[in-house]
Amino acid sequence: GDIKQIQNALQLYYTDHQGFPATLNEALLVPEYIKAIPKDPAEDHLDYLYAAIKIGGRCTSYHLGAIMETVADNTGVLETDFDKVPNNNICNGSAADFNGGDPVYDVAP
């Protein structure tokens, strides 16, 4: 649910700015696009993994992920995620891209 909320906020931001933010910065997203940026409960309430991806010189994509508690996932969610490999085309100010392989559940627009 948290990932979907963040994706919705990012899409709203994209619509207004024709690009995604370099970071999941509360000053950019709260409260206009999301009430609060959720934290990853499996990672001691740290930020979710996020990298803004540059395509054609602009931040027009992103990679968002959560570390699952176990690779032995009974829900099947890890079978349907993106499993993106890191990419060096990150936007200025963004964190480095991350490996979306299991146990990371990851999505992209």
Protein backbone atom coordinates (compact mmCIF):
# COMPACT_ATOMS: atom_id res chain seq x y z
CA GLY A 1 0.00 0.00 0.00
CA ASP A 2 2.84 2.41 0.84
CA ILE A 3 4.50 1.89 -2.53
CA LYS A 4 1.22 2.61 -4.33
CA GLN A 5 0.69 5.81 -2.32
CA ILE A 6 4.19 7.01 -3.19
CA GLN A 7 3.65 6.12 -6.87
CA ASN A 8 0.41 8.13 -6.91
CA ALA A 9 2.16 11.15 -5.36
CA LEU A 10 5.02 10.87 -7.85
CA GLN A 11 2.57 10.73 -10.77
CA LEU A 12 0.76 13.84 -9.52
CA TYR A 13 4.11 15.61 -9.14
CA TYR A 14 5.09 14.52 -12.66
CA THR A 15 1.85 15.93 -14.09
CA ASP A 16 2.55 19.34 -12.54
CA HIS A 17 6.31 19.48 -13.23
CA GLN A 18 6.84 17.29 -16.34
CA GLY A 19 9.41 15.28 -14.41
CA PHE A 20 9.94 13.32 -11.22
CA PRO A 21 11.71 14.72 -8.14
CA ALA A 22 15.34 13.71 -7.61
CA THR A 23 14.50 12.52 -4.07
CA LEU A 24 11.49 11.59 -1.99
CA ASN A 25 11.82 14.97 -0.30
CA GLU A 26 8.96 15.88 2.01
CA ALA A 27 9.36 19.56 1.15
CA LEU A 28 8.55 18.72 -2.49
CA LEU A 29 5.75 16.21 -1.97
CA VAL A 30 4.01 16.94 1.38
CA PRO A 31 1.21 18.01 1.74
CA GLU A 32 0.32 18.84 -1.88
CA TYR A 33 0.84 15.34 -3.31
CA ILE A 34 0.82 13.05 -0.27
CA LYS A 35 -0.14 13.51 3.38
CA ALA A 36 3.18 12.07 4.61
CA ILE A 37 5.87 10.00 2.97
CA PRO A 38 5.61 6.50 4.45
CA LYS A 39 8.68 4.73 5.78
CA ASP A 40 9.62 1.10 5.13
CA PRO A 41 8.40 -0.92 8.14
CA ALA A 42 10.71 -3.84 7.34
CA GLU A 43 13.79 -1.59 7.45
CA ASP A 44 13.33 0.03 10.87
CA HIS A 45 11.23 2.82 9.37
CA LEU A 46 13.90 4.08 7.00
CA ASP A 47 13.07 5.63 3.63
CA TYR A 48 12.02 3.37 0.79
CA LEU A 49 14.65 2.87 -1.91
CA TYR A 50 14.29 5.52 -4.62
CA ALA A 51 16.32 6.67 -7.59
CA ALA A 52 15.21 9.25 -10.15
CA ILE A 53 16.22 8.15 -13.64
CA LYS A 54 17.25 10.55 -16.41
CA ILE A 55 15.92 9.86 -19.89
CA GLY A 56 16.67 12.39 -22.58
CA GLY A 57 18.29 14.75 -20.07
CA ARG A 58 15.23 15.02 -17.78
CA CYS A 59 14.03 13.06 -14.73
CA THR A 60 11.28 11.23 -16.57
CA SER A 61 11.46 7.89 -14.78
CA TYR A 62 12.19 6.45 -11.37
CA HIS A 63 12.96 3.22 -9.54
CA LEU A 64 11.16 2.69 -6.21
CA GLY A 65 11.65 -0.29 -3.92
CA ALA A 66 11.15 -1.91 -0.55
CA ILE A 67 13.28 -4.61 1.03
CA MET A 68 11.08 -7.59 1.83
CA GLU A 69 11.55 -9.39 5.12
CA THR A 70 12.28 -12.69 3.41
CA VAL A 71 12.98 -14.06 -0.04
CA ALA A 72 10.59 -16.93 0.76
CA ASP A 73 7.62 -14.72 -0.03
CA ASN A 74 4.29 -16.53 0.36
CA THR A 75 2.28 -13.74 -1.26
CA GLY A 76 3.88 -14.08 -4.69
CA VAL A 77 4.56 -10.34 -4.85
CA LEU A 78 8.25 -10.88 -5.65
CA GLU A 79 7.23 -12.90 -8.72
CA THR A 80 5.44 -9.91 -10.24
CA ASP A 81 7.72 -6.98 -9.46
CA PHE A 82 10.13 -5.22 -11.83
CA ASP A 83 13.52 -6.74 -10.76
CA LYS A 84 15.36 -3.85 -12.39
CA VAL A 85 19.13 -3.84 -12.56
CA PRO A 86 20.91 -0.60 -11.54
CA ASN A 87 21.38 2.07 -14.16
CA ASN A 88 23.87 4.93 -14.22
CA ASN A 89 21.50 7.50 -15.72
CA ILE A 90 20.42 8.95 -12.39
CA CYS A 91 19.26 12.54 -12.00
CA ASN A 92 21.43 15.12 -10.25
CA GLY A 93 20.81 14.94 -6.52
CA SER A 94 19.30 11.46 -6.64
CA ALA A 95 20.59 8.50 -4.66
CA ALA A 96 22.39 5.84 -6.69
CA ASP A 97 20.14 3.32 -8.38
CA PHE A 98 19.75 -0.02 -6.63
CA ASN A 99 19.45 -3.66 -7.59
CA GLY A 100 15.78 -4.60 -7.68
CA GLY A 101 16.48 -8.33 -7.50
CA ASP A 102 14.88 -10.32 -4.70
CA PRO A 103 14.39 -9.70 -1.77
CA VAL A 104 13.64 -6.19 -3.05
CA TYR A 105 10.11 -5.48 -4.28
CA ASP A 106 10.54 -2.77 -6.88
CA VAL A 107 8.43 -0.77 -9.32
CA ALA A 108 8.94 1.83 -12.02
CA PRO A 109 6.41 3.98 -13.90
